[in-house]
PDB file of N, CA and C in Angstrom:
ATOM      1  N   MET A   1       7.361  14.384   1.525  1.00  0.00           N
ATOM      2  CA  MET A   1       7.875  13.068   1.648  1.00  0.00           C
ATOM      3  C   MET A   1       7.541  12.478   2.533  1.00  0.00           C
ATOM      4  N   PHE A   2       7.740  11.259   3.263  1.00  0.00           N
ATOM      5  CA  PHE A   2       7.458  10.426   4.282  1.00  0.00           C
ATOM      6  C   PHE A   2       8.385   9.497   5.361  1.00  0.00           C
ATOM      7  N   PRO A   3       8.299   9.470   5.896  1.00  0.00           N
ATOM      8  CA  PRO A   3       9.609   9.004   6.760  1.00  0.00           C
ATOM      9  C   PRO A   3      10.028   7.511   6.156  1.00  0.00           C
ATOM     10  N   THR A   4      11.290   7.334   5.957  1.00  0.00           N
ATOM     11  CA  THR A   4      11.737   5.933   5.180  1.00  0.00           C
ATOM     12  C   THR A   4      11.150   4.652   6.215  1.00  0.00           C
ATOM     13  N   GLU A   5      11.034   4.650   7.430  1.00  0.00           N
ATOM     14  CA  GLU A   5      10.781   3.541   8.307  1.00  0.00           C
ATOM     15  C   GLU A   5       9.495   2.885   7.859  1.00  0.00           C
ATOM     16  N   LYS A   6       8.544   4.216   8.068  1.00  0.00           N
ATOM     17  CA  LYS A   6       7.385   4.110   7.402  1.00  0.00           C
ATOM     18  C   LYS A   6       7.332   3.566   6.308  1.00  0.00           C
ATOM     19  N   LEU A   7       7.775   4.193   5.329  1.00  0.00           N
ATOM     20  CA  LEU A   7       7.849   3.376   3.780  1.00  0.00           C
ATOM     21  C   LEU A   7       7.885   2.008   3.585  1.00  0.00           C
ATOM     22  N   ASP A   8       9.303   1.614   4.294  1.00  0.00           N
ATOM     23  CA  ASP A   8      10.018   0.223   4.447  1.00  0.00           C
ATOM     24  C   ASP A   8       8.822  -0.566   4.839  1.00  0.00           C
ATOM     25  N   MET A   9       8.175  -0.284   6.277  1.00  0.00           N
ATOM     26  CA  MET A   9       7.220  -1.248   6.246  1.00  0.00           C
ATOM     27  C   MET A   9       5.985  -1.648   5.494  1.00  0.00           C
ATOM     28  N   VAL A  10       5.738  -0.899   4.843  1.00  0.00           N
ATOM     29  CA  VAL A  10       4.851  -1.182   3.371  1.00  0.00           C
ATOM     30  C   VAL A  10       5.389  -1.817   2.603  1.00  0.00           C
ATOM     31  N   ARG A  11       6.705  -1.593   1.845  1.00  0.00           N
ATOM     32  CA  ARG A  11       7.076  -2.303   0.951  1.00  0.00           C
ATOM     33  C   ARG A  11       7.598  -3.972   1.689  1.00  0.00           C
ATOM     34  N   ILE A  12       7.920  -3.854   3.088  1.00  0.00           N
ATOM     35  CA  ILE A  12       8.667  -5.050   3.338  1.00  0.00           C
ATOM     36  C   ILE A  12       6.755  -6.291   3.252  1.00  0.00           C
ATOM     37  N   TYR A  13       5.514  -5.490   3.472  1.00  0.00           N
ATOM     38  CA  TYR A  13       4.582  -5.922   3.337  1.00  0.00           C
ATOM     39  C   TYR A  13       4.345  -6.668   2.039  1.00  0.00           C
ATOM     40  N   LEU A  14       4.158  -5.624   1.615  1.00  0.00           N
ATOM     41  CA  LEU A  14       4.151  -6.094  -0.167  1.00  0.00           C
ATOM     42  C   LEU A  14       4.475  -7.110  -0.404  1.00  0.00           C
ATOM     43  N   ARG A  15       6.246  -6.970  -0.148  1.00  0.00           N
ATOM     44  CA  ARG A  15       6.934  -7.962  -1.036  1.00  0.00           C
ATOM     45  C   ARG A  15       6.793  -9.390  -0.063  1.00  0.00           C
ATOM     46  N   ALA A  16       6.670  -9.564   1.163  1.00  0.00           N
ATOM     47  CA  ALA A  16       6.371 -10.817   1.862  1.00  0.00           C
ATOM     48  C   ALA A  16       4.747 -11.070   1.431  1.00  0.00           C
ATOM     49  N   LYS A  17       4.009 -10.380   0.867  1.00  0.00           N
ATOM     50  CA  LYS A  17       2.909 -11.104   0.203  1.00  0.00           C
ATOM     51  C   LYS A  17       2.802 -11.297  -1.134  1.00  0.00           C
ATOM     52  N   CYS A  18       3.180 -10.659  -1.906  1.00  0.00           N
ATOM     53  CA  CYS A  18       3.247 -10.075  -3.460  1.00  0.00           C
ATOM     54  C   CYS A  18       4.994 -11.185  -3.718  1.00  0.00           C
ATOM     55  N   PRO A  19       5.504 -11.857  -3.514  1.00  0.00           N
ATOM     56  CA  PRO A  19       7.017 -12.468  -3.556  1.00  0.00           C
ATOM     57  C   PRO A  19       7.158 -12.496  -4.834  1.00  0.00           C
ATOM     58  N   ASP A  20       6.375 -12.580  -6.121  1.00  0.00           N
ATOM     59  CA  ASP A  20       6.615 -12.664  -7.535  1.00  0.00           C
ATOM     60  C   ASP A  20       6.359 -10.927  -8.194  1.00  0.00           C
ATOM     61  N   CYS A  21       5.878 -10.251  -7.715  1.00  0.00           N
ATOM     62  CA  CYS A  21       5.971  -9.122  -7.756  1.00  0.00           C
ATOM     63  C   CYS A  21       6.718  -7.759  -8.160  1.00  0.00           C
ATOM     64  N   ALA A  22       7.318  -7.041  -8.961  1.00  0.00           N
ATOM     65  CA  ALA A  22       8.015  -5.952  -9.012  1.00  0.00           C
ATOM     66  C   ALA A  22       7.306  -4.864  -8.345  1.00  0.00           C
ATOM     67  N   ILE A  23       7.663  -4.089  -7.300  1.00  0.00           N
ATOM     68  CA  ILE A  23       7.203  -3.041  -6.837  1.00  0.00           C
ATOM     69  C   ILE A  23       8.198  -2.249  -6.907  1.00  0.00           C
ATOM     70  N   GLU A  24       7.443  -0.993  -7.424  1.00  0.00           N
ATOM     71  CA  GLU A  24       8.190   0.456  -7.493  1.00  0.00           C
ATOM     72  C   GLU A  24       7.047   1.556  -6.521  1.00  0.00           C
ATOM     73  N   ASP A  25       7.633   2.552  -6.231  1.00  0.00           N
ATOM     74  CA  ASP A  25       6.841   3.113  -5.512  1.00  0.00           C
ATOM     75  C   ASP A  25       7.250   4.706  -5.591  1.00  0.00           C
ATOM     76  N   HIS A  26       6.435   5.564  -5.659  1.00  0.00           N
ATOM     77  CA  HIS A  26       6.869   7.137  -5.750  1.00  0.00           C
ATOM     78  C   HIS A  26       5.884   7.695  -4.956  1.00  0.00           C
ATOM     79  N   TYR A  27       6.329   9.301  -4.514  1.00  0.00           N
ATOM     80  CA  TYR A  27       5.493  10.242  -3.866  1.00  0.00           C
ATOM     81  C   TYR A  27       4.147  10.708  -5.015  1.00  0.00           C
ATOM     82  N   ASP A  28       3.028  10.938  -4.446  1.00  0.00           N
ATOM     83  CA  ASP A  28       2.191  11.469  -5.413  1.00  0.00           C
ATOM     84  C   ASP A  28       1.826  12.873  -5.067  1.00  0.00           C
ATOM     85  N   SER A  29       2.321  13.913  -5.321  1.00  0.00           N
ATOM     86  CA  SER A  29       2.039  15.186  -4.706  1.00  0.00           C
ATOM     87  C   SER A  29       0.525  15.551  -5.320  1.00  0.00           C
ATOM     88  N   GLU A  30      -0.246  14.874  -6.324  1.00  0.00           N
ATOM     89  CA  GLU A  30      -1.338  15.534  -6.203  1.00  0.00           C
ATOM     90  C   GLU A  30      -2.532  14.815  -5.374  1.00  0.00           C
ATOM     91  N   ARG A  31      -2.348  13.315  -5.042  1.00  0.00           N
ATOM     92  CA  ARG A  31      -3.106  13.272  -3.929  1.00  0.00           C
ATOM     93  C   ARG A  31      -2.430  13.196  -2.311  1.00  0.00           C
ATOM     94  N   ILE A  32      -1.220  13.589  -2.606  1.00  0.00           N
ATOM     95  CA  ILE A  32      -0.260  13.680  -1.179  1.00  0.00           C
ATOM     96  C   ILE A  32      -0.323  12.483  -0.376  1.00  0.00           C
ATOM     97  N   SER A  33       0.179  11.299  -1.255  1.00  0.00           N
ATOM     98  CA  SER A  33       0.390  10.131  -0.937  1.00  0.00           C
ATOM     99  C   SER A  33       1.650   9.682  -1.697  1.00  0.00           C
ATOM    100  N   GLN A  34       1.637   7.740  -0.900  1.00  0.00           N
ATOM    101  CA  GLN A  34       2.782   7.489  -1.723  1.00  0.00           C
ATOM    102  C   GLN A  34       1.957   6.047  -2.333  1.00  0.00           C
ATOM    103  N   THR A  35       2.122   6.069  -3.629  1.00  0.00           N
ATOM    104  CA  THR A  35       1.934   5.217  -5.062  1.00  0.00           C
ATOM    105  C   THR A  35       2.697   3.977  -5.158  1.00  0.00           C
ATOM    106  N   PHE A  36       2.208   2.843  -4.513  1.00  0.00           N
ATOM    107  CA  PHE A  36       2.944   1.835  -5.220  1.00  0.00           C
ATOM    108  C   PHE A  36       2.348   0.753  -5.996  1.00  0.00           C
ATOM    109  N   GLN A  37       3.574   0.787  -6.957  1.00  0.00           N
ATOM    110  CA  GLN A  37       2.650  -0.261  -8.279  1.00  0.00           C
ATOM    111  C   GLN A  37       3.503  -1.449  -8.032  1.00  0.00           C
ATOM    112  N   LEU A  38       2.215  -2.720  -8.075  1.00  0.00           N
ATOM    113  CA  LEU A  38       2.968  -4.558  -7.961  1.00  0.00           C
ATOM    114  C   LEU A  38       2.703  -4.615  -9.151  1.00  0.00           C
ATOM    115  N   LYS A  39       3.722  -4.965  -9.899  1.00  0.00           N
ATOM    116  CA  LYS A  39       3.654  -5.719 -11.466  1.00  0.00           C
ATOM    117  C   LYS A  39       3.955  -7.618 -11.414  1.00  0.00           C
ATOM    118  N   ASP A  40       3.483  -8.045 -11.898  1.00  0.00           N
ATOM    119  CA  ASP A  40       3.890  -9.263 -12.568  1.00  0.00           C
ATOM    120  C   ASP A  40       2.753  -9.619 -13.620  1.00  0.00           C
ATOM    121  N   LYS A  41       3.285 -10.844 -14.279  1.00  0.00           N
ATOM    122  CA  LYS A  41       2.366 -11.565 -15.661  1.00  0.00           C
ATOM    123  C   LYS A  41       0.745 -11.075 -15.447  1.00  0.00           C
ATOM    124  N   ASP A  42       0.213 -11.335 -14.335  1.00  0.00           N
ATOM    125  CA  ASP A  42      -1.030 -11.686 -14.103  1.00  0.00           C
ATOM    126  C   ASP A  42      -1.885 -10.085 -13.750  1.00  0.00           C
ATOM    127  N   ARG A  43      -0.974  -9.032 -13.036  1.00  0.00           N
ATOM    128  CA  ARG A  43      -1.356  -7.643 -12.279  1.00  0.00           C
ATOM    129  C   ARG A  43      -0.831  -6.965 -12.343  1.00  0.00           C
ATOM    130  N   ILE A  44      -1.549  -5.481 -11.995  1.00  0.00           N
ATOM    131  CA  ILE A  44      -0.539  -4.096 -11.959  1.00  0.00           C
ATOM    132  C   ILE A  44      -1.757  -3.745 -11.198  1.00  0.00           C
ATOM    133  N   PRO A  45      -2.061  -4.300  -9.964  1.00  0.00           N
ATOM    134  CA  PRO A  45      -2.645  -3.082  -9.019  1.00  0.00           C
ATOM    135  C   PRO A  45      -1.635  -1.959  -8.629  1.00  0.00           C
ATOM    136  N   LEU A  46      -2.577  -1.082  -7.985  1.00  0.00           N
ATOM    137  CA  LEU A  46      -1.753   0.302  -7.254  1.00  0.00           C
ATOM    138  C   LEU A  46      -2.170   0.544  -5.971  1.00  0.00           C
ATOM    139  N   VAL A  47      -1.601   0.471  -5.374  1.00  0.00           N
ATOM    140  CA  VAL A  47      -1.860   0.472  -3.618  1.00  0.00           C
ATOM    141  C   VAL A  47      -1.502   2.073  -3.423  1.00  0.00           C
ATOM    142  N   ILE A  48      -2.088   2.907  -2.683  1.00  0.00           N
ATOM    143  CA  ILE A  48      -2.020   4.233  -2.635  1.00  0.00           C
ATOM    144  C   ILE A  48      -2.580   4.304  -1.046  1.00  0.00           C
ATOM    145  N   VAL A  49      -1.250   4.821  -0.486  1.00  0.00           N
ATOM    146  CA  VAL A  49      -1.619   5.023   1.125  1.00  0.00           C
ATOM    147  C   VAL A  49      -1.162   6.570   1.057  1.00  0.00           C
ATOM    148  N   SER A  50      -2.288   7.291   1.954  1.00  0.00           N
ATOM    149  CA  SER A  50      -2.805   8.198   2.047  1.00  0.00           C
ATOM    150  C   SER A  50      -1.618   8.893   3.109  1.00  0.00           C
ATOM    151  N   LYS A  51      -1.679  10.174   3.109  1.00  0.00           N
ATOM    152  CA  LYS A  51      -0.603  11.048   3.919  1.00  0.00           C
ATOM    153  C   LYS A  51      -1.155  10.620   5.687  1.00  0.00           C
ATOM    154  N   SER A  52      -2.788  10.738   5.958  1.00  0.00           N
ATOM    155  CA  SER A  52      -3.248  10.930   7.043  1.00  0.00           C
ATOM    156  C   SER A  52      -2.686   9.452   7.524  1.00  0.00           C
ATOM    157  N   PHE A  53      -2.613   8.569   6.828  1.00  0.00           N
ATOM    158  CA  PHE A  53      -2.377   7.093   7.263  1.00  0.00           C
ATOM    159  C   PHE A  53      -1.012   7.412   7.933  1.00  0.00           C
ATOM    160  N   PHE A  54      -0.223   7.574   7.117  1.00  0.00           N
ATOM    161  CA  PHE A  54       1.180   7.365   7.651  1.00  0.00           C
ATOM    162  C   PHE A  54       1.432   8.423   8.507  1.00  0.00           C
ATOM    163  N   ASP A  55       0.629   9.532   8.876  1.00  0.00           N
ATOM    164  CA  ASP A  55       0.872  10.940  10.237  1.00  0.00           C
ATOM    165  C   ASP A  55       0.339  10.203  11.284  1.00  0.00           C
ATOM    166  N   LYS A  56      -0.771   9.498  10.939  1.00  0.00           N
ATOM    167  CA  LYS A  56      -1.489   8.871  12.410  1.00  0.00           C
ATOM    168  C   LYS A  56      -1.105   7.561  12.880  1.00  0.00           C
ATOM    169  N   HIS A  57      -0.260   6.606  12.121  1.00  0.00           N
ATOM    170  CA  HIS A  57       0.376   5.637  12.896  1.00  0.00           C
ATOM    171  C   HIS A  57       1.719   5.233  12.750  1.00  0.00           C
ATOM    172  N   SER A  58       2.132   4.793  13.762  1.00  0.00           N
ATOM    173  CA  SER A  58       3.850   4.387  14.128  1.00  0.00           C
ATOM    174  C   SER A  58       4.278   3.011  13.150  1.00  0.00           C
ATOM    175  N   THR A  59       5.134   3.095  13.044  1.00  0.00           N
ATOM    176  CA  THR A  59       5.974   1.886  12.224  1.00  0.00           C
ATOM    177  C   THR A  59       5.036   0.479  12.630  1.00  0.00           C
ATOM    178  N   VAL A  60       5.109   0.256  13.692  1.00  0.00           N
ATOM    179  CA  VAL A  60       4.851  -0.642  13.976  1.00  0.00           C
ATOM    180  C   VAL A  60       3.346  -1.213  13.899  1.00  0.00           C
ATOM    181  N   GLU A  61       2.681   0.235  14.361  1.00  0.00           N
ATOM    182  CA  GLU A  61       1.237   0.420  14.070  1.00  0.00           C
ATOM    183  C   GLU A  61       0.916   0.249  12.124  1.00  0.00           C
ATOM    184  N   ILE A  62       1.544   0.984  11.435  1.00  0.00           N
ATOM    185  CA  ILE A  62       1.415   0.526  10.050  1.00  0.00           C
ATOM    186  C   ILE A  62       1.266  -0.584   9.603  1.00  0.00           C
ATOM    187  N   LEU A  63       2.183  -1.843   9.860  1.00  0.00           N
ATOM    188  CA  LEU A  63       1.985  -3.227   9.793  1.00  0.00           C
ATOM    189  C   LEU A  63       0.942  -3.944  10.182  1.00  0.00           C
ATOM    190  N   LEU A  64       0.538  -3.596  11.681  1.00  0.00           N
ATOM    191  CA  LEU A  64      -0.520  -4.060  12.406  1.00  0.00           C
ATOM    192  C   LEU A  64      -1.747  -3.721  11.393  1.00  0.00           C
ATOM    193  N   ARG A  65      -2.100  -2.349  11.089  1.00  0.00           N
ATOM    194  CA  ARG A  65      -3.721  -1.879  10.219  1.00  0.00           C
ATOM    195  C   ARG A  65      -3.521  -2.762   9.135  1.00  0.00           C
ATOM    196  N   LEU A  66      -2.223  -2.985   8.201  1.00  0.00           N
ATOM    197  CA  LEU A  66      -2.036  -3.632   7.083  1.00  0.00           C
ATOM    198  C   LEU A  66      -2.752  -4.973   7.370  1.00  0.00           C
ATOM    199  N   ILE A  67      -2.403  -5.688   8.488  1.00  0.00           N
ATOM    200  CA  ILE A  67      -2.741  -6.806   8.959  1.00  0.00           C
ATOM    201  C   ILE A  67      -4.160  -7.348   9.073  1.00  0.00           C
ATOM    202  N   ASP A  68      -4.636  -6.222  10.230  1.00  0.00           N
ATOM    203  CA  ASP A  68      -5.985  -6.301  10.466  1.00  0.00           C
ATOM    204  C   ASP A  68      -6.495  -6.087   9.696  1.00  0.00           C
ATOM    205  N   ASP A  69      -6.558  -4.735   8.240  1.00  0.00           N
ATOM    206  CA  ASP A  69      -7.267  -4.561   7.141  1.00  0.00           C
ATOM    207  C   ASP A  69      -7.444  -5.265   6.109  1.00  0.00           C
ATOM    208  N   HIS A  70      -6.173  -6.489   6.518  1.00  0.00           N
ATOM    209  CA  HIS A  70      -6.952  -7.298   5.464  1.00  0.00           C
ATOM    210  C   HIS A  70      -6.119  -7.040   4.040  1.00  0.00           C
ATOM    211  N   LEU A  71      -5.152  -6.360   3.804  1.00  0.00           N
ATOM    212  CA  LEU A  71      -4.830  -5.613   2.712  1.00  0.00           C
ATOM    213  C   LEU A  71      -4.104  -7.094   1.501  1.00  0.00           C
ATOM    214  N   ASP A  72      -4.048  -7.870   2.444  1.00  0.00           N
ATOM    215  CA  ASP A  72      -3.728  -9.396   1.483  1.00  0.00           C
ATOM    216  C   ASP A  72      -4.509  -9.583   0.500  1.00  0.00           C
ATOM    217  N   ARG A  73      -5.966  -9.426   1.017  1.00  0.00           N
ATOM    218  CA  ARG A  73      -7.366 -10.044   0.805  1.00  0.00           C
ATOM    219  C   ARG A  73      -7.502  -9.022  -0.411  1.00  0.00           C
ATOM    220  N   HIS A  74      -7.408  -8.090  -0.394  1.00  0.00           N
ATOM    221  CA  HIS A  74      -7.950  -6.806  -1.425  1.00  0.00           C
ATOM    222  C   HIS A  74      -6.979  -7.149  -2.680  1.00  0.00           C
ATOM    223  N   LEU A  75      -5.642  -7.591  -2.584  1.00  0.00           N
ATOM    224  CA  LEU A  75      -4.258  -7.245  -3.416  1.00  0.00           C
ATOM    225  C   LEU A  75      -4.772  -8.755  -3.847  1.00  0.00           C
ATOM    226  N   LYS A  76      -5.559  -9.845  -3.366  1.00  0.00           N
ATOM    227  CA  LYS A  76      -5.958 -11.232  -4.504  1.00  0.00           C
ATOM    228  C   LYS A  76      -7.111 -10.388  -5.165  1.00  0.00           C
ATOM    229  N   SER A  77      -8.087  -9.729  -4.849  1.00  0.00           N
ATOM    230  CA  SER A  77      -9.341  -9.601  -5.515  1.00  0.00           C
ATOM    231  C   SER A  77      -9.354  -8.324  -6.534  1.00  0.00           C
ATOM    232  N   ASN A  78      -8.404  -7.266  -6.172  1.00  0.00           N
ATOM    233  CA  ASN A  78      -8.443  -6.492  -7.062  1.00  0.00           C
ATOM    234  C   ASN A  78      -6.832  -6.582  -7.918  1.00  0.00           C
ATOM    235  N   THR A  79      -6.947  -7.130  -8.863  1.00  0.00           N
ATOM    236  CA  THR A  79      -5.407  -7.039  -9.591  1.00  0.00           C
ATOM    237  C   THR A  79      -5.401  -6.195 -10.186  1.00  0.00           C
ATOM    238  N   LYS A  80      -6.173  -5.144 -10.872  1.00  0.00           N
ATOM    239  CA  LYS A  80      -6.183  -4.162 -12.105  1.00  0.00           C
ATOM    240  C   LYS A  80      -6.290  -2.672 -11.490  1.00  0.00           C
ATOM    241  N   GLY A  81      -7.177  -2.649 -10.420  1.00  0.00           N
ATOM    242  CA  GLY A  81      -7.370  -1.299 -10.012  1.00  0.00           C
ATOM    243  C   GLY A  81      -6.525  -0.649  -8.924  1.00  0.00           C
ATOM    244  N   CYS A  82      -7.173   0.600  -8.401  1.00  0.00           N
ATOM    245  CA  CYS A  82      -6.326   0.898  -6.977  1.00  0.00           C
ATOM    246  C   CYS A  82      -6.930   0.323  -5.620  1.00  0.00           C
ATOM    247  N   ILE A  83      -6.062   0.512  -4.882  1.00  0.00           N
ATOM    248  CA  ILE A  83      -6.386   0.310  -3.476  1.00  0.00           C
ATOM    249  C   ILE A  83      -5.991   0.703  -2.395  1.00  0.00           C
ATOM    250  N   ILE A  84      -7.072   1.945  -1.817  1.00  0.00           N
ATOM    251  CA  ILE A  84      -6.834   3.084  -1.002  1.00  0.00           C
ATOM    252  C   ILE A  84      -6.734   3.033   0.179  1.00  0.00           C
ATOM    253  N   ILE A  85      -5.503   3.102   0.816  1.00  0.00           N
ATOM    254  CA  ILE A  85      -5.454   3.167   2.300  1.00  0.00           C
ATOM    255  C   ILE A  85      -5.310   4.721   3.063  1.00  0.00           C
ATOM    256  N   THR A  86      -6.268   4.551   3.725  1.00  0.00           N
ATOM    257  CA  THR A  86      -6.408   5.869   4.507  1.00  0.00           C
ATOM    258  C   THR A  86      -6.695   5.634   6.280  1.00  0.00           C
ATOM    259  N   ASP A  87      -6.617   6.761   6.887  1.00  0.00           N
ATOM    260  CA  ASP A  87      -6.731   6.461   8.286  1.00  0.00           C
ATOM    261  C   ASP A  87      -7.873   5.464   8.780  1.00  0.00           C
ATOM    262  N   GLU A  88      -9.468   5.845   7.802  1.00  0.00           N
ATOM    263  CA  GLU A  88     -10.561   5.134   7.811  1.00  0.00           C
ATOM    264  C   GLU A  88     -10.343   3.730   7.201  1.00  0.00           C
ATOM    265  N   GLY A  89      -9.655   3.221   6.506  1.00  0.00           N
ATOM    266  CA  GLY A  89      -9.268   1.852   5.826  1.00  0.00           C
ATOM    267  C   GLY A  89      -9.132   1.765   4.614  1.00  0.00           C
ATOM    268  N   ILE A  90      -9.321   0.532   4.375  1.00  0.00           N
ATOM    269  CA  ILE A  90      -9.040   0.444   2.926  1.00  0.00           C
ATOM    270  C   ILE A  90     -10.242  -0.174   1.960  1.00  0.00           C
ATOM    271  N   GLU A  91     -10.370   0.735   0.951  1.00  0.00           N
ATOM    272  CA  GLU A  91     -11.045   0.756   0.091  1.00  0.00           C
ATOM    273  C   GLU A  91     -10.553   0.551  -1.623  1.00  0.00           C
ATOM    274  N   GLU A  92     -11.316   0.121  -2.313  1.00  0.00           N
ATOM    275  CA  GLU A  92     -11.048  -0.162  -3.715  1.00  0.00           C
ATOM    276  C   GLU A  92     -11.736   0.340  -4.928  1.00  0.00           C
ATOM    277  N   ASP A  93     -10.931   0.747  -5.542  1.00  0.00           N
ATOM    278  CA  ASP A  93     -11.522   1.533  -6.818  1.00  0.00           C
ATOM    279  C   ASP A  93     -11.217   0.758  -8.098  1.00  0.00           C
ATOM    280  N   PRO A  94     -11.947  -0.062  -8.584  1.00  0.00           N
ATOM    281  CA  PRO A  94     -11.758  -0.903  -9.659  1.00  0.00           C
ATOM    282  C   PRO A  94     -11.451  -0.485 -11.003  1.00  0.00           C
TER     283      PRO A  94
END
């Protein structure tokens, strides 16, 4: 499991960028990551945040990376697939 304050930072960001979505998350032991599922009438993307991302960054740095790496753009362009966040950046898996 990951520190609550780091998970909360991702939750806050996702709620701010996707206010109409229901957001659920859980620990994924196979991927050693936290998976966030966003649901609304038009989309159901998964946002997968790796352990290395949480380990390497402080709570504030997590928010700054999500902003700097333009997670909001990925959320708009990838409405059905996976968005994977690692220490190396963000990639999409349609």
